[in-house]
Amino acid sequence: VTFEYVDPEAIHELPGTRIGMVAQEVETV
């Protein structure tokens, strides 16, 4: 998926659109 972090600075992440997966979805596999 593509997504944006709600508060990237608080978790030391980059702002803007990112590409990745959702942990809750990955957890089932």
mmCIF file of all heavy atoms, coordinates in Angstrom:
data_MODEL
# 
_entry.id   MODEL 
# 
loop_
_atom_site.group_PDB 
_atom_site.id 
_atom_site.type_symbol 
_atom_site.label_atom_id 
_atom_site.label_alt_id 
_atom_site.label_comp_id 
_atom_site.label_asym_id 
_atom_site.label_entity_id 
_atom_site.label_seq_id 
_atom_site.pdbx_PDB_ins_code 
_atom_site.Cartn_x 
_atom_site.Cartn_y 
_atom_site.Cartn_z 
_atom_site.occupancy 
_atom_site.B_iso_or_equiv 
_atom_site.pdbx_formal_charge 
_atom_site.auth_seq_id 
_atom_site.auth_comp_id 
_atom_site.auth_asym_id 
_atom_site.auth_atom_id 
_atom_site.pdbx_PDB_model_num 
ATOM 1   N N   . VAL A 1 1  ? 0.843  -1.198  0.000  1.00 0.00 ? 1  VAL A N   1 
ATOM 2   C CA  . VAL A 1 1  ? 0.000  0.000   0.000  1.00 0.00 ? 1  VAL A CA  1 
ATOM 3   C C   . VAL A 1 1  ? 0.880  1.252   0.000  1.00 0.00 ? 1  VAL A C   1 
ATOM 4   O O   . VAL A 1 1  ? 2.070  1.194   0.271  1.00 0.00 ? 1  VAL A O   1 
ATOM 5   C CB  . VAL A 1 1  ? -0.929 0.022   1.239  1.00 0.00 ? 1  VAL A CB  1 
ATOM 6   C CG1 . VAL A 1 1  ? -1.906 -1.139  1.217  1.00 0.00 ? 1  VAL A CG1 1 
ATOM 7   C CG2 . VAL A 1 1  ? -0.119 0.017   2.540  1.00 0.00 ? 1  VAL A CG2 1 
ATOM 8   N N   . THR A 1 2  ? 0.264  2.382   -0.283 1.00 0.00 ? 2  THR A N   1 
ATOM 9   C CA  . THR A 1 2  ? 0.878  3.686   -0.052 1.00 0.00 ? 2  THR A CA  1 
ATOM 10  C C   . THR A 1 2  ? 0.180  4.314   1.146  1.00 0.00 ? 2  THR A C   1 
ATOM 11  O O   . THR A 1 2  ? -1.000 4.053   1.392  1.00 0.00 ? 2  THR A O   1 
ATOM 12  C CB  . THR A 1 2  ? 0.744  4.612   -1.278 1.00 0.00 ? 2  THR A CB  1 
ATOM 13  O OG1 . THR A 1 2  ? -0.644 4.834   -1.563 1.00 0.00 ? 2  THR A OG1 1 
ATOM 14  C CG2 . THR A 1 2  ? 1.413  3.990   -2.491 1.00 0.00 ? 2  THR A CG2 1 
ATOM 15  N N   . PHE A 1 3  ? 0.898  5.156   1.887  1.00 0.00 ? 3  PHE A N   1 
ATOM 16  C CA  . PHE A 1 3  ? 0.322  5.748   3.096  1.00 0.00 ? 3  PHE A CA  1 
ATOM 17  C C   . PHE A 1 3  ? 1.169  6.934   3.528  1.00 0.00 ? 3  PHE A C   1 
ATOM 18  O O   . PHE A 1 3  ? 2.255  7.186   2.989  1.00 0.00 ? 3  PHE A O   1 
ATOM 19  C CB  . PHE A 1 3  ? 0.274  4.702   4.222  1.00 0.00 ? 3  PHE A CB  1 
ATOM 20  C CG  . PHE A 1 3  ? 1.633  4.208   4.627  1.00 0.00 ? 3  PHE A CG  1 
ATOM 21  C CD1 . PHE A 1 3  ? 2.353  4.810   5.648  1.00 0.00 ? 3  PHE A CD1 1 
ATOM 22  C CD2 . PHE A 1 3  ? 2.227  3.138   3.956  1.00 0.00 ? 3  PHE A CD2 1 
ATOM 23  C CE1 . PHE A 1 3  ? 3.614  4.369   5.997  1.00 0.00 ? 3  PHE A CE1 1 
ATOM 24  C CE2 . PHE A 1 3  ? 3.484  2.687   4.297  1.00 0.00 ? 3  PHE A CE2 1 
ATOM 25  C CZ  . PHE A 1 3  ? 4.184  3.304   5.325  1.00 0.00 ? 3  PHE A CZ  1 
ATOM 26  N N   . GLU A 1 4  ? 0.683  7.673   4.539  1.00 0.00 ? 4  GLU A N   1 
ATOM 27  C CA  . GLU A 1 4  ? 1.442  8.726   5.198  1.00 0.00 ? 4  GLU A CA  1 
ATOM 28  C C   . GLU A 1 4  ? 1.356  8.521   6.700  1.00 0.00 ? 4  GLU A C   1 
ATOM 29  O O   . GLU A 1 4  ? 0.309  8.131   7.226  1.00 0.00 ? 4  GLU A O   1 
ATOM 30  C CB  . GLU A 1 4  ? 0.892  10.117  4.836  1.00 0.00 ? 4  GLU A CB  1 
ATOM 31  C CG  . GLU A 1 4  ? 1.132  10.524  3.395  1.00 0.00 ? 4  GLU A CG  1 
ATOM 32  C CD  . GLU A 1 4  ? 0.768  11.988  3.149  1.00 0.00 ? 4  GLU A CD  1 
ATOM 33  O OE1 . GLU A 1 4  ? 0.661  12.734  4.151  1.00 0.00 ? 4  GLU A OE1 1 
ATOM 34  O OE2 . GLU A 1 4  ? 0.582  12.367  1.979  1.00 0.00 ? 4  GLU A OE2 1 
ATOM 35  N N   . TYR A 1 5  ? 2.452  8.754   7.407  1.00 0.00 ? 5  TYR A N   1 
ATOM 36  C CA  . TYR A 1 5  ? 2.437  8.671   8.856  1.00 0.00 ? 5  TYR A CA  1 
ATOM 37  C C   . TYR A 1 5  ? 1.682  9.866   9.446  1.00 0.00 ? 5  TYR A C   1 
ATOM 38  O O   . TYR A 1 5  ? 1.792  10.991  8.943  1.00 0.00 ? 5  TYR A O   1 
ATOM 39  C CB  . TYR A 1 5  ? 3.849  8.631   9.413  1.00 0.00 ? 5  TYR A CB  1 
ATOM 40  C CG  . TYR A 1 5  ? 4.549  7.305   9.206  1.00 0.00 ? 5  TYR A CG  1 
ATOM 41  C CD1 . TYR A 1 5  ? 5.587  7.182   8.285  1.00 0.00 ? 5  TYR A CD1 1 
ATOM 42  C CD2 . TYR A 1 5  ? 4.180  6.186   9.939  1.00 0.00 ? 5  TYR A CD2 1 
ATOM 43  C CE1 . TYR A 1 5  ? 6.232  5.967   8.101  1.00 0.00 ? 5  TYR A CE1 1 
ATOM 44  C CE2 . TYR A 1 5  ? 4.821  4.969   9.751  1.00 0.00 ? 5  TYR A CE2 1 
ATOM 45  C CZ  . TYR A 1 5  ? 5.841  4.871   8.832  1.00 0.00 ? 5  TYR A CZ  1 
ATOM 46  O OH  . TYR A 1 5  ? 6.470  3.666   8.647  1.00 0.00 ? 5  TYR A OH  1 
ATOM 47  N N   . VAL A 1 6  ? 0.952  9.613   10.518 1.00 0.00 ? 6  VAL A N   1 
ATOM 48  C CA  . VAL A 1 6  ? 0.187  10.685  11.162 1.00 0.00 ? 6  VAL A CA  1 
ATOM 49  C C   . VAL A 1 6  ? 1.132  11.720  11.753 1.00 0.00 ? 6  VAL A C   1 
ATOM 50  O O   . VAL A 1 6  ? 0.940  12.928  11.573 1.00 0.00 ? 6  VAL A O   1 
ATOM 51  C CB  . VAL A 1 6  ? -0.729 10.095  12.254 1.00 0.00 ? 6  VAL A CB  1 
ATOM 52  C CG1 . VAL A 1 6  ? -1.459 11.214  12.998 1.00 0.00 ? 6  VAL A CG1 1 
ATOM 53  C CG2 . VAL A 1 6  ? -1.736 9.125   11.650 1.00 0.00 ? 6  VAL A CG2 1 
ATOM 54  N N   . ASP A 1 7  ? 2.152  11.272  12.479 1.00 0.00 ? 7  ASP A N   1 
ATOM 55  C CA  . ASP A 1 7  ? 3.138  12.178  13.089 1.00 0.00 ? 7  ASP A CA  1 
ATOM 56  C C   . ASP A 1 7  ? 4.525  11.584  12.874 1.00 0.00 ? 7  ASP A C   1 
ATOM 57  O O   . ASP A 1 7  ? 5.089  10.946  13.765 1.00 0.00 ? 7  ASP A O   1 
ATOM 58  C CB  . ASP A 1 7  ? 2.849  12.350  14.581 1.00 0.00 ? 7  ASP A CB  1 
ATOM 59  C CG  . ASP A 1 7  ? 3.714  13.435  15.224 1.00 0.00 ? 7  ASP A CG  1 
ATOM 60  O OD1 . ASP A 1 7  ? 4.562  14.024  14.511 1.00 0.00 ? 7  ASP A OD1 1 
ATOM 61  O OD2 . ASP A 1 7  ? 3.552  13.675  16.431 1.00 0.00 ? 7  ASP A OD2 1 
ATOM 62  N N   . PRO A 1 8  ? 5.098  11.744  11.679 1.00 0.00 ? 8  PRO A N   1 
ATOM 63  C CA  . PRO A 1 8  ? 6.375  11.083  11.367 1.00 0.00 ? 8  PRO A CA  1 
ATOM 64  C C   . PRO A 1 8  ? 7.520  11.505  12.271 1.00 0.00 ? 8  PRO A C   1 
ATOM 65  O O   . PRO A 1 8  ? 8.379  10.703  12.617 1.00 0.00 ? 8  PRO A O   1 
ATOM 66  C CB  . PRO A 1 8  ? 6.633  11.472  9.905  1.00 0.00 ? 8  PRO A CB  1 
ATOM 67  C CG  . PRO A 1 8  ? 5.810  12.693  9.684  1.00 0.00 ? 8  PRO A CG  1 
ATOM 68  C CD  . PRO A 1 8  ? 4.614  12.553  10.559 1.00 0.00 ? 8  PRO A CD  1 
ATOM 69  N N   . GLU A 1 9  ? 7.545  12.761  12.686 1.00 0.00 ? 9  GLU A N   1 
ATOM 70  C CA  . GLU A 1 9  ? 8.652  13.249  13.510 1.00 0.00 ? 9  GLU A CA  1 
ATOM 71  C C   . GLU A 1 9  ? 8.698  12.538  14.855 1.00 0.00 ? 9  GLU A C   1 
ATOM 72  O O   . GLU A 1 9  ? 9.775  12.250  15.376 1.00 0.00 ? 9  GLU A O   1 
ATOM 73  C CB  . GLU A 1 9  ? 8.519  14.759  13.717 1.00 0.00 ? 9  GLU A CB  1 
ATOM 74  C CG  . GLU A 1 9  ? 9.698  15.380  14.467 1.00 0.00 ? 9  GLU A CG  1 
ATOM 75  C CD  . GLU A 1 9  ? 9.592  16.884  14.558 1.00 0.00 ? 9  GLU A CD  1 
ATOM 76  O OE1 . GLU A 1 9  ? 8.670  17.460  13.930 1.00 0.00 ? 9  GLU A OE1 1 
ATOM 77  O OE2 . GLU A 1 9  ? 10.419 17.485  15.262 1.00 0.00 ? 9  GLU A OE2 1 
ATOM 78  N N   . ALA A 1 10 ? 7.540  12.219  15.405 1.00 0.00 ? 10 ALA A N   1 
ATOM 79  C CA  . ALA A 1 10 ? 7.487  11.579  16.728 1.00 0.00 ? 10 ALA A CA  1 
ATOM 80  C C   . ALA A 1 10 ? 8.082  10.185  16.717 1.00 0.00 ? 10 ALA A C   1 
ATOM 81  O O   . ALA A 1 10 ? 8.540  9.700   17.756 1.00 0.00 ? 10 ALA A O   1 
ATOM 82  C CB  . ALA A 1 10 ? 6.051  11.532  17.223 1.00 0.00 ? 10 ALA A CB  1 
ATOM 83  N N   . ILE A 1 11 ? 8.076  9.522   15.559 1.00 0.00 ? 11 ILE A N   1 
ATOM 84  C CA  . ILE A 1 11 ? 8.599  8.152   15.474 1.00 0.00 ? 11 ILE A CA  1 
ATOM 85  C C   . ILE A 1 11 ? 9.823  8.084   14.573 1.00 0.00 ? 11 ILE A C   1 
ATOM 86  O O   . ILE A 1 11 ? 10.208 7.004   14.100 1.00 0.00 ? 11 ILE A O   1 
ATOM 87  C CB  . ILE A 1 11 ? 7.508  7.187   14.952 1.00 0.00 ? 11 ILE A CB  1 
ATOM 88  C CG1 . ILE A 1 11 ? 6.951  7.652   13.609 1.00 0.00 ? 11 ILE A CG1 1 
ATOM 89  C CG2 . ILE A 1 11 ? 6.398  7.035   15.968 1.00 0.00 ? 11 ILE A CG2 1 
ATOM 90  C CD1 . ILE A 1 11 ? 5.965  6.670   12.983 1.00 0.00 ? 11 ILE A CD1 1 
ATOM 91  N N   . HIS A 1 12 ? 10.462 9.230   14.319 1.00 0.00 ? 12 HIS A N   1 
ATOM 92  C CA  . HIS A 1 12 ? 11.700 9.307   13.545 1.00 0.00 ? 12 HIS A CA  1 
ATOM 93  C C   . HIS A 1 12 ? 11.521 8.750   12.132 1.00 0.00 ? 12 HIS A C   1 
ATOM 94  O O   . HIS A 1 12 ? 12.395 8.062   11.606 1.00 0.00 ? 12 HIS A O   1 
ATOM 95  C CB  . HIS A 1 12 ? 12.841 8.558   14.239 1.00 0.00 ? 12 HIS A CB  1 
ATOM 96  C CG  . HIS A 1 12 ? 13.109 9.024   15.638 1.00 0.00 ? 12 HIS A CG  1 
ATOM 97  N ND1 . HIS A 1 12 ? 13.880 8.303   16.526 1.00 0.00 ? 12 HIS A ND1 1 
ATOM 98  C CD2 . HIS A 1 12 ? 12.713 10.120  16.306 1.00 0.00 ? 12 HIS A CD2 1 
ATOM 99  C CE1 . HIS A 1 12 ? 13.945 8.943   17.675 1.00 0.00 ? 12 HIS A CE1 1 
ATOM 100 N NE2 . HIS A 1 12 ? 13.239 10.056  17.562 1.00 0.00 ? 12 HIS A NE2 1 
ATOM 101 N N   . GLU A 1 13 ? 10.375 9.036   11.505 1.00 0.00 ? 13 GLU A N   1 
ATOM 102 C CA  . GLU A 1 13 ? 10.129 8.592   10.141 1.00 0.00 ? 13 GLU A CA  1 
ATOM 103 C C   . GLU A 1 13 ? 10.072 9.792   9.201  1.00 0.00 ? 13 GLU A C   1 
ATOM 104 O O   . GLU A 1 13 ? 9.962  10.938  9.624  1.00 0.00 ? 13 GLU A O   1 
ATOM 105 C CB  . GLU A 1 13 ? 8.816  7.801   10.066 1.00 0.00 ? 13 GLU A CB  1 
ATOM 106 C CG  . GLU A 1 13 ? 8.900  6.396   10.635 1.00 0.00 ? 13 GLU A CG  1 
ATOM 107 C CD  . GLU A 1 13 ? 9.725  5.458   9.769  1.00 0.00 ? 13 GLU A CD  1 
ATOM 108 O OE1 . GLU A 1 13 ? 10.090 5.859   8.652  1.00 0.00 ? 13 GLU A OE1 1 
ATOM 109 O OE2 . GLU A 1 13 ? 10.008 4.334   10.213 1.00 0.00 ? 13 GLU A OE2 1 
ATOM 110 N N   . LEU A 1 14 ? 10.123 9.495   7.883  1.00 0.00 ? 14 LEU A N   1 
ATOM 111 C CA  . LEU A 1 14 ? 10.084 10.552  6.880  1.00 0.00 ? 14 LEU A CA  1 
ATOM 112 C C   . LEU A 1 14 ? 8.648  10.966  6.596  1.00 0.00 ? 14 LEU A C   1 
ATOM 113 O O   . LEU A 1 14 ? 7.737  10.136  6.609  1.00 0.00 ? 14 LEU A O   1 
ATOM 114 C CB  . LEU A 1 14 ? 10.749 10.069  5.585  1.00 0.00 ? 14 LEU A CB  1 
ATOM 115 C CG  . LEU A 1 14 ? 12.238 9.735   5.673  1.00 0.00 ? 14 LEU A CG  1 
ATOM 116 C CD1 . LEU A 1 14 ? 12.728 9.162   4.351  1.00 0.00 ? 14 LEU A CD1 1 
ATOM 117 C CD2 . LEU A 1 14 ? 13.051 10.946  6.069  1.00 0.00 ? 14 LEU A CD2 1 
ATOM 118 N N   . PRO A 1 15 ? 8.417  12.240  6.327  1.00 0.00 ? 15 PRO A N   1 
ATOM 119 C CA  . PRO A 1 15 ? 7.069  12.691  5.970  1.00 0.00 ? 15 PRO A CA  1 
ATOM 120 C C   . PRO A 1 15 ? 6.754  12.375  4.516  1.00 0.00 ? 15 PRO A C   1 
ATOM 121 O O   . PRO A 1 15 ? 7.612  11.907  3.763  1.00 0.00 ? 15 PRO A O   1 
ATOM 122 C CB  . PRO A 1 15 ? 7.147  14.205  6.203  1.00 0.00 ? 15 PRO A CB  1 
ATOM 123 C CG  . PRO A 1 15 ? 8.587  14.545  5.928  1.00 0.00 ? 15 PRO A CG  1 
ATOM 124 C CD  . PRO A 1 15 ? 9.377  13.365  6.412  1.00 0.00 ? 15 PRO A CD  1 
ATOM 125 N N   . GLY A 1 16 ? 5.494  12.628  4.123  1.00 0.00 ? 16 GLY A N   1 
ATOM 126 C CA  . GLY A 1 16 ? 5.090  12.415  2.739  1.00 0.00 ? 16 GLY A CA  1 
ATOM 127 C C   . GLY A 1 16 ? 4.600  11.004  2.495  1.00 0.00 ? 16 GLY A C   1 
ATOM 128 O O   . GLY A 1 16 ? 4.482  10.183  3.401  1.00 0.00 ? 16 GLY A O   1 
ATOM 129 N N   . THR A 1 17 ? 4.311  10.717  1.236  1.00 0.00 ? 17 THR A N   1 
ATOM 130 C CA  . THR A 1 17 ? 3.773  9.410   0.853  1.00 0.00 ? 17 THR A CA  1 
ATOM 131 C C   . THR A 1 17 ? 4.856  8.344   0.916  1.00 0.00 ? 17 THR A C   1 
ATOM 132 O O   . THR A 1 17 ? 5.940  8.504   0.362  1.00 0.00 ? 17 THR A O   1 
ATOM 133 C CB  . THR A 1 17 ? 3.186  9.465   -0.570 1.00 0.00 ? 17 THR A CB  1 
ATOM 134 O OG1 . THR A 1 17 ? 2.163  10.459  -0.615 1.00 0.00 ? 17 THR A OG1 1 
ATOM 135 C CG2 . THR A 1 17 ? 2.593  8.119   -0.949 1.00 0.00 ? 17 THR A CG2 1 
ATOM 136 N N   . ARG A 1 18 ? 4.546  7.250   1.607  1.00 0.00 ? 18 ARG A N   1 
ATOM 137 C CA  . ARG A 1 18 ? 5.470  6.141   1.755  1.00 0.00 ? 18 ARG A CA  1 
ATOM 138 C C   . ARG A 1 18 ? 4.876  4.881   1.129  1.00 0.00 ? 18 ARG A C   1 
ATOM 139 O O   . ARG A 1 18 ? 3.674  4.814   0.862  1.00 0.00 ? 18 ARG A O   1 
ATOM 140 C CB  . ARG A 1 18 ? 5.783  5.858   3.232  1.00 0.00 ? 18 ARG A CB  1 
ATOM 141 C CG  . ARG A 1 18 ? 6.050  7.084   4.093  1.00 0.00 ? 18 ARG A CG  1 
ATOM 142 C CD  . ARG A 1 18 ? 7.212  7.899   3.595  1.00 0.00 ? 18 ARG A CD  1 
ATOM 143 N NE  . ARG A 1 18 ? 8.424  7.120   3.495  1.00 0.00 ? 18 ARG A NE  1 
ATOM 144 C CZ  . ARG A 1 18 ? 9.495  7.487   2.789  1.00 0.00 ? 18 ARG A CZ  1 
ATOM 145 N NH1 . ARG A 1 18 ? 9.462  8.597   2.073  1.00 0.00 ? 18 ARG A NH1 1 
ATOM 146 N NH2 . ARG A 1 18 ? 10.559 6.731   2.779  1.00 0.00 ? 18 ARG A NH2 1 
ATOM 147 N N   . ILE A 1 19 ? 5.699  3.871   0.895  1.00 0.00 ? 19 ILE A N   1 
ATOM 148 C CA  . ILE A 1 19 ? 5.260  2.595   0.349  1.00 0.00 ? 19 ILE A CA  1 
ATOM 149 C C   . ILE A 1 19 ? 5.619  1.500   1.355  1.00 0.00 ? 19 ILE A C   1 
ATOM 150 O O   . ILE A 1 19 ? 6.729  1.473   1.878  1.00 0.00 ? 19 ILE A O   1 
ATOM 151 C CB  . ILE A 1 19 ? 5.934  2.300   -1.003 1.00 0.00 ? 19 ILE A CB  1 
ATOM 152 C CG1 . ILE A 1 19 ? 5.526  3.348   -2.037 1.00 0.00 ? 19 ILE A CG1 1 
ATOM 153 C CG2 . ILE A 1 19 ? 5.572  0.899   -1.496 1.00 0.00 ? 19 ILE A CG2 1 
ATOM 154 C CD1 . ILE A 1 19 ? 6.244  3.196   -3.365 1.00 0.00 ? 19 ILE A CD1 1 
ATOM 155 N N   . GLY A 1 20 ? 4.686  0.611   1.618  1.00 0.00 ? 20 GLY A N   1 
ATOM 156 C CA  . GLY A 1 20 ? 4.964  -0.457  2.571  1.00 0.00 ? 20 GLY A CA  1 
ATOM 157 C C   . GLY A 1 20 ? 3.762  -1.352  2.776  1.00 0.00 ? 20 GLY A C   1 
ATOM 158 O O   . GLY A 1 20 ? 2.931  -1.521  1.878  1.00 0.00 ? 20 GLY A O   1 
ATOM 159 N N   . MET A 1 21 ? 3.650  -1.897  3.973  1.00 0.00 ? 21 MET A N   1 
ATOM 160 C CA  . MET A 1 21 ? 2.550  -2.788  4.325  1.00 0.00 ? 21 MET A CA  1 
ATOM 161 C C   . MET A 1 21 ? 1.995  -2.387  5.688  1.00 0.00 ? 21 MET A C   1 
ATOM 162 O O   . MET A 1 21 ? 2.598  -1.578  6.400  1.00 0.00 ? 21 MET A O   1 
ATOM 163 C CB  . MET A 1 21 ? 3.024  -4.246  4.325  1.00 0.00 ? 21 MET A CB  1 
ATOM 164 C CG  . MET A 1 21 ? 3.367  -4.769  2.935  1.00 0.00 ? 21 MET A CG  1 
ATOM 165 S SD  . MET A 1 21 ? 3.967  -6.488  2.933  1.00 0.00 ? 21 MET A SD  1 
ATOM 166 C CE  . MET A 1 21 ? 5.633  -6.258  3.521  1.00 0.00 ? 21 MET A CE  1 
ATOM 167 N N   . VAL A 1 22 ? 0.878  -2.967  6.067  1.00 0.00 ? 22 VAL A N   1 
ATOM 168 C CA  . VAL A 1 22 ? 0.237  -2.706  7.350  1.00 0.00 ? 22 VAL A CA  1 
ATOM 169 C C   . VAL A 1 22 ? 0.509  -3.894  8.270  1.00 0.00 ? 22 VAL A C   1 
ATOM 170 O O   . VAL A 1 22 ? 0.241  -5.047  7.901  1.00 0.00 ? 22 VAL A O   1 
ATOM 171 C CB  . VAL A 1 22 ? -1.278 -2.488  7.179  1.00 0.00 ? 22 VAL A CB  1 
ATOM 172 C CG1 . VAL A 1 22 ? -1.943 -2.246  8.533  1.00 0.00 ? 22 VAL A CG1 1 
ATOM 173 C CG2 . VAL A 1 22 ? -1.539 -1.314  6.229  1.00 0.00 ? 22 VAL A CG2 1 
ATOM 174 N N   . ALA A 1 23 ? 1.051  -3.627  9.445  1.00 0.00 ? 23 ALA A N   1 
ATOM 175 C CA  . ALA A 1 23 ? 1.493  -4.699  10.342 1.00 0.00 ? 23 ALA A CA  1 
ATOM 176 C C   . ALA A 1 23 ? 0.371  -5.663  10.695 1.00 0.00 ? 23 ALA A C   1 
ATOM 177 O O   . ALA A 1 23 ? 0.571  -6.881  10.736 1.00 0.00 ? 23 ALA A O   1 
ATOM 178 C CB  . ALA A 1 23 ? 2.088  -4.098  11.617 1.00 0.00 ? 23 ALA A CB  1 
ATOM 179 N N   . GLN A 1 24 ? -0.829 -5.155  10.949 1.00 0.00 ? 24 GLN A N   1 
ATOM 180 C CA  . GLN A 1 24 ? -1.948 -6.040  11.318 1.00 0.00 ? 24 GLN A CA  1 
ATOM 181 C C   . GLN A 1 24 ? -2.283 -7.016  10.202 1.00 0.00 ? 24 GLN A C   1 
ATOM 182 O O   . GLN A 1 24 ? -2.674 -8.152  10.472 1.00 0.00 ? 24 GLN A O   1 
ATOM 183 C CB  . GLN A 1 24 ? -3.176 -5.207  11.693 1.00 0.00 ? 24 GLN A CB  1 
ATOM 184 C CG  . GLN A 1 24 ? -3.128 -4.585  13.073 1.00 0.00 ? 24 GLN A CG  1 
ATOM 185 C CD  . GLN A 1 24 ? -2.388 -3.262  13.095 1.00 0.00 ? 24 GLN A CD  1 
ATOM 186 O OE1 . GLN A 1 24 ? -1.692 -2.908  12.142 1.00 0.00 ? 24 GLN A OE1 1 
ATOM 187 N NE2 . GLN A 1 24 ? -2.537 -2.503  14.169 1.00 0.00 ? 24 GLN A NE2 1 
ATOM 188 N N   . GLU A 1 25 ? -2.124 -6.582  8.954  1.00 0.00 ? 25 GLU A N   1 
ATOM 189 C CA  . GLU A 1 25 ? -2.389 -7.473  7.830  1.00 0.00 ? 25 GLU A CA  1 
ATOM 190 C C   . GLU A 1 25 ? -1.274 -8.502  7.667  1.00 0.00 ? 25 GLU A C   1 
ATOM 191 O O   . GLU A 1 25 ? -1.527 -9.687  7.394  1.00 0.00 ? 25 GLU A O   1 
ATOM 192 C CB  . GLU A 1 25 ? -2.554 -6.660  6.544  1.00 0.00 ? 25 GLU A CB  1 
ATOM 193 C CG  . GLU A 1 25 ? -3.736 -5.712  6.562  1.00 0.00 ? 25 GLU A CG  1 
ATOM 194 C CD  . GLU A 1 25 ? -3.832 -4.880  5.289  1.00 0.00 ? 25 GLU A CD  1 
ATOM 195 O OE1 . GLU A 1 25 ? -2.977 -5.061  4.385  1.00 0.00 ? 25 GLU A OE1 1 
ATOM 196 O OE2 . GLU A 1 25 ? -4.749 -4.054  5.197  1.00 0.00 ? 25 GLU A OE2 1 
ATOM 197 N N   . VAL A 1 26 ? -0.055 -8.070  7.843  1.00 0.00 ? 26 VAL A N   1 
ATOM 198 C CA  . VAL A 1 26 ? 1.084  -8.980  7.724  1.00 0.00 ? 26 VAL A CA  1 
ATOM 199 C C   . VAL A 1 26 ? 1.043  -10.040 8.820  1.00 0.00 ? 26 VAL A C   1 
ATOM 200 O O   . VAL A 1 26 ? 1.407  -11.202 8.603  1.00 0.00 ? 26 VAL A O   1 
ATOM 201 C CB  . VAL A 1 26 ? 2.404  -8.189  7.794  1.00 0.00 ? 26 VAL A CB  1 
ATOM 202 C CG1 . VAL A 1 26 ? 3.604  -9.130  7.800  1.00 0.00 ? 26 VAL A CG1 1 
ATOM 203 C CG2 . VAL A 1 26 ? 2.510  -7.212  6.625  1.00 0.00 ? 26 VAL A CG2 1 
ATOM 204 N N   . GLU A 1 27 ? 0.585  -9.652  9.986  1.00 0.00 ? 27 GLU A N   1 
ATOM 205 C CA  . GLU A 1 27 ? 0.574  -10.557 11.138 1.00 0.00 ? 27 GLU A CA  1 
ATOM 206 C C   . GLU A 1 27 ? -0.240 -11.817 10.887 1.00 0.00 ? 27 GLU A C   1 
ATOM 207 O O   . GLU A 1 27 ? 0.064  -12.886 11.435 1.00 0.00 ? 27 GLU A O   1 
ATOM 208 C CB  . GLU A 1 27 ? 0.043  -9.812  12.363 1.00 0.00 ? 27 GLU A CB  1 
ATOM 209 C CG  . GLU A 1 27 ? 0.260  -10.527 13.672 1.00 0.00 ? 27 GLU A CG  1 
ATOM 210 C CD  . GLU A 1 27 ? -0.090 -9.641  14.853 1.00 0.00 ? 27 GLU A CD  1 
ATOM 211 O OE1 . GLU A 1 27 ? -0.762 -8.598  14.645 1.00 0.00 ? 27 GLU A OE1 1 
ATOM 212 O OE2 . GLU A 1 27 ? 0.300  -9.980  15.980 1.00 0.00 ? 27 GLU A OE2 1 
ATOM 213 N N   . THR A 1 28 ? -1.275 -11.725 10.054 1.00 0.00 ? 28 THR A N   1 
ATOM 214 C CA  . THR A 1 28 ? -2.098 -12.901 9.768  1.00 0.00 ? 28 THR A CA  1 
ATOM 215 C C   . THR A 1 28 ? -1.381 -13.904 8.878  1.00 0.00 ? 28 THR A C   1 
ATOM 216 O O   . THR A 1 28 ? -1.752 -15.079 8.836  1.00 0.00 ? 28 THR A O   1 
ATOM 217 C CB  . THR A 1 28 ? -3.415 -12.473 9.084  1.00 0.00 ? 28 THR A CB  1 
ATOM 218 O OG1 . THR A 1 28 ? -3.116 -11.846 7.829  1.00 0.00 ? 28 THR A OG1 1 
ATOM 219 C CG2 . THR A 1 28 ? -4.181 -11.489 9.961  1.00 0.00 ? 28 THR A CG2 1 
ATOM 220 N N   . VAL A 1 29 ? -0.362 -13.459 8.140  1.00 0.00 ? 29 VAL A N   1 
ATOM 221 C CA  . VAL A 1 29 ? 0.380  -14.331 7.223  1.00 0.00 ? 29 VAL A CA  1 
ATOM 222 C C   . VAL A 1 29 ? 1.724  -14.736 7.821  1.00 0.00 ? 29 VAL A C   1 
ATOM 223 O O   . VAL A 1 29 ? 2.101  -15.912 7.799  1.00 0.00 ? 29 VAL A O   1 
ATOM 224 C CB  . VAL A 1 29 ? 0.591  -13.637 5.867  1.00 0.00 ? 29 VAL A CB  1 
ATOM 225 C CG1 . VAL A 1 29 ? 1.264  -14.595 4.876  1.00 0.00 ? 29 VAL A CG1 1 
ATOM 226 C CG2 . VAL A 1 29 ? -0.716 -13.115 5.300  1.00 0.00 ? 29 VAL A CG2 1 
# 
